Amino acid sequence: MDILRTRGSVSMPGRGEIEVTLDLYDPPLTDDVLPRGWTATITEGPPLAVGERGLLYLDAQRAAIANPFVVVTSTAGISRIQGVTEA
């Protein structure tokens, strides 16, 4: 399992865009778009509620690429997000 420590931002309805640092699990090596089902852990960022949906923009990707996600766990300031097909 490849883990990439990276920076990016999450865009959440009603919250705007928030910069985050995250551990991205199994990132694609050649594609610009993350595969459906990717996961990431946000350890530095705002508290997120389970079930919230948003868009992840990675600094390493082109700015126009949005990666839809849903929050699957959130405790003590650490949130785990998972890729979905639609935000």
C-alpha atoms as a PDB file:
ATOM      1  CA  MET A   1       0.000   0.000   0.000  1.00  0.00           C
ATOM      2  CA  ASP A   2       1.486   3.316  -1.072  1.00  0.00           C
ATOM      3  CA  ILE A   3       0.936   6.301   1.230  1.00  0.00           C
ATOM      4  CA  LEU A   4       1.589   9.836   0.025  1.00  0.00           C
ATOM      5  CA  ARG A   5       1.821  12.673   2.552  1.00  0.00           C
ATOM      6  CA  THR A   6       0.573  15.679   0.629  1.00  0.00           C
ATOM      7  CA  ARG A   7      -1.125  19.067   0.786  1.00  0.00           C
ATOM      8  CA  GLY A   8      -4.353  20.122  -0.789  1.00  0.00           C
ATOM      9  CA  SER A   9      -7.687  21.656   0.002  1.00  0.00           C
ATOM     10  CA  VAL A  10     -11.183  20.413   0.631  1.00  0.00           C
ATOM     11  CA  SER A  11     -14.251  22.236  -0.597  1.00  0.00           C
ATOM     12  CA  MET A  12     -17.299  21.650   1.590  1.00  0.00           C
ATOM     13  CA  PRO A  13     -20.828  22.982   1.030  1.00  0.00           C
ATOM     14  CA  GLY A  14     -21.405  25.899   3.395  1.00  0.00           C
ATOM     15  CA  ARG A  15     -17.744  25.999   4.523  1.00  0.00           C
ATOM     16  CA  GLY A  16     -15.875  27.080   1.422  1.00  0.00           C
ATOM     17  CA  GLU A  17     -12.379  25.822   0.688  1.00  0.00           C
ATOM     18  CA  ILE A  18     -10.064  24.749   3.522  1.00  0.00           C
ATOM     19  CA  GLU A  19      -6.364  23.870   3.179  1.00  0.00           C
ATOM     20  CA  VAL A  20      -5.400  20.484   4.618  1.00  0.00           C
ATOM     21  CA  THR A  21      -2.460  18.123   5.031  1.00  0.00           C
ATOM     22  CA  LEU A  22      -3.345  14.490   4.449  1.00  0.00           C
ATOM     23  CA  ASP A  23      -2.059  10.957   4.107  1.00  0.00           C
ATOM     24  CA  LEU A  24      -3.373   9.639   0.782  1.00  0.00           C
ATOM     25  CA  TYR A  25      -3.607   5.858   0.478  1.00  0.00           C
ATOM     26  CA  ASP A  26      -2.934   4.145  -2.848  1.00  0.00           C
ATOM     27  CA  PRO A  27      -2.648   7.277  -5.008  1.00  0.00           C
ATOM     28  CA  PRO A  28      -2.528   6.740  -8.765  1.00  0.00           C
ATOM     29  CA  LEU A  29       0.954   6.789 -10.239  1.00  0.00           C
ATOM     30  CA  THR A  30       0.132   7.936 -13.773  1.00  0.00           C
ATOM     31  CA  ASP A  31      -3.476   9.185 -13.890  1.00  0.00           C
ATOM     32  CA  ASP A  32      -4.539  12.719 -12.987  1.00  0.00           C
ATOM     33  CA  VAL A  33      -7.795  11.577 -11.405  1.00  0.00           C
ATOM     34  CA  LEU A  34      -7.879   9.473  -8.256  1.00  0.00           C
ATOM     35  CA  PRO A  35      -9.600   6.104  -8.618  1.00  0.00           C
ATOM     36  CA  ARG A  36     -13.014   5.572  -7.039  1.00  0.00           C
ATOM     37  CA  GLY A  37     -12.601   4.185  -3.543  1.00  0.00           C
ATOM     38  CA  TRP A  38      -9.341   5.948  -2.611  1.00  0.00           C
ATOM     39  CA  THR A  39      -8.969   6.897   1.059  1.00  0.00           C
ATOM     40  CA  ALA A  40      -7.144   9.633   2.920  1.00  0.00           C
ATOM     41  CA  THR A  41      -6.642  10.660   6.531  1.00  0.00           C
ATOM     42  CA  ILE A  42      -6.716  14.364   7.388  1.00  0.00           C
ATOM     43  CA  THR A  43      -4.778  14.976  10.589  1.00  0.00           C
ATOM     44  CA  GLU A  44      -4.512  18.746  10.353  1.00  0.00           C
ATOM     45  CA  GLY A  45      -7.718  20.496   9.466  1.00  0.00           C
ATOM     46  CA  PRO A  46     -11.230  21.299  10.573  1.00  0.00           C
ATOM     47  CA  PRO A  47     -13.485  18.779  12.319  1.00  0.00           C
ATOM     48  CA  LEU A  48     -15.640  17.046   9.720  1.00  0.00           C
ATOM     49  CA  ALA A  49     -18.905  15.195  10.311  1.00  0.00           C
ATOM     50  CA  VAL A  50     -19.411  11.605   9.197  1.00  0.00           C
ATOM     51  CA  GLY A  51     -21.480  11.563   6.011  1.00  0.00           C
ATOM     52  CA  GLU A  52     -20.427  15.059   4.876  1.00  0.00           C
ATOM     53  CA  ARG A  53     -19.499  15.233   1.207  1.00  0.00           C
ATOM     54  CA  GLY A  54     -17.072  17.509  -0.552  1.00  0.00           C
ATOM     55  CA  LEU A  55     -14.340  17.825  -3.139  1.00  0.00           C
ATOM     56  CA  LEU A  56     -10.615  17.246  -2.631  1.00  0.00           C
ATOM     57  CA  TYR A  57      -8.137  19.268  -4.690  1.00  0.00           C
ATOM     58  CA  LEU A  58      -4.522  18.105  -4.408  1.00  0.00           C
ATOM     59  CA  ASP A  59      -1.664  20.573  -4.837  1.00  0.00           C
ATOM     60  CA  ALA A  60       0.093  17.967  -7.015  1.00  0.00           C
ATOM     61  CA  GLN A  61      -2.813  17.837  -9.494  1.00  0.00           C
ATOM     62  CA  ARG A  62      -4.065  20.398 -11.963  1.00  0.00           C
ATOM     63  CA  ALA A  63      -6.269  22.905 -10.132  1.00  0.00           C
ATOM     64  CA  ALA A  64      -9.345  21.979 -12.199  1.00  0.00           C
ATOM     65  CA  ILE A  65      -9.378  18.343 -11.029  1.00  0.00           C
ATOM     66  CA  ALA A  66     -11.914  17.667  -8.279  1.00  0.00           C
ATOM     67  CA  ASN A  67     -11.942  14.371  -6.387  1.00  0.00           C
ATOM     68  CA  PRO A  68     -15.384  13.822  -4.759  1.00  0.00           C
ATOM     69  CA  PHE A  69     -15.366  12.270  -1.280  1.00  0.00           C
ATOM     70  CA  VAL A  70     -17.467  11.390   1.752  1.00  0.00           C
ATOM     71  CA  VAL A  71     -16.287  11.519   5.387  1.00  0.00           C
ATOM     72  CA  VAL A  72     -16.328   7.947   6.761  1.00  0.00           C
ATOM     73  CA  THR A  73     -14.900   8.502  10.267  1.00  0.00           C
ATOM     74  CA  SER A  74     -14.130  11.550  12.375  1.00  0.00           C
ATOM     75  CA  THR A  75     -12.729  11.578  15.919  1.00  0.00           C
ATOM     76  CA  ALA A  76     -10.523  13.944  17.922  1.00  0.00           C
ATOM     77  CA  GLY A  77      -9.615  16.147  14.946  1.00  0.00           C
ATOM     78  CA  ILE A  78      -8.700  13.246  12.649  1.00  0.00           C
ATOM     79  CA  SER A  79     -10.992  12.571   9.709  1.00  0.00           C
ATOM     80  CA  ARG A  80     -10.894   9.734   7.199  1.00  0.00           C
ATOM     81  CA  ILE A  81     -12.354  10.438   3.771  1.00  0.00           C
ATOM     82  CA  GLN A  82     -13.140   8.072   0.913  1.00  0.00           C
ATOM     83  CA  GLY A  83     -13.519   8.715  -2.804  1.00  0.00           C
ATOM     84  CA  VAL A  84     -16.965   8.459  -4.360  1.00  0.00           C
ATOM     85  CA  THR A  85     -18.295   8.914  -7.863  1.00  0.00           C
ATOM     86  CA  GLU A  86     -20.270  12.116  -7.109  1.00  0.00           C
ATOM     87  CA  ALA A  87     -19.979  14.843  -4.462  1.00  0.00           C
END
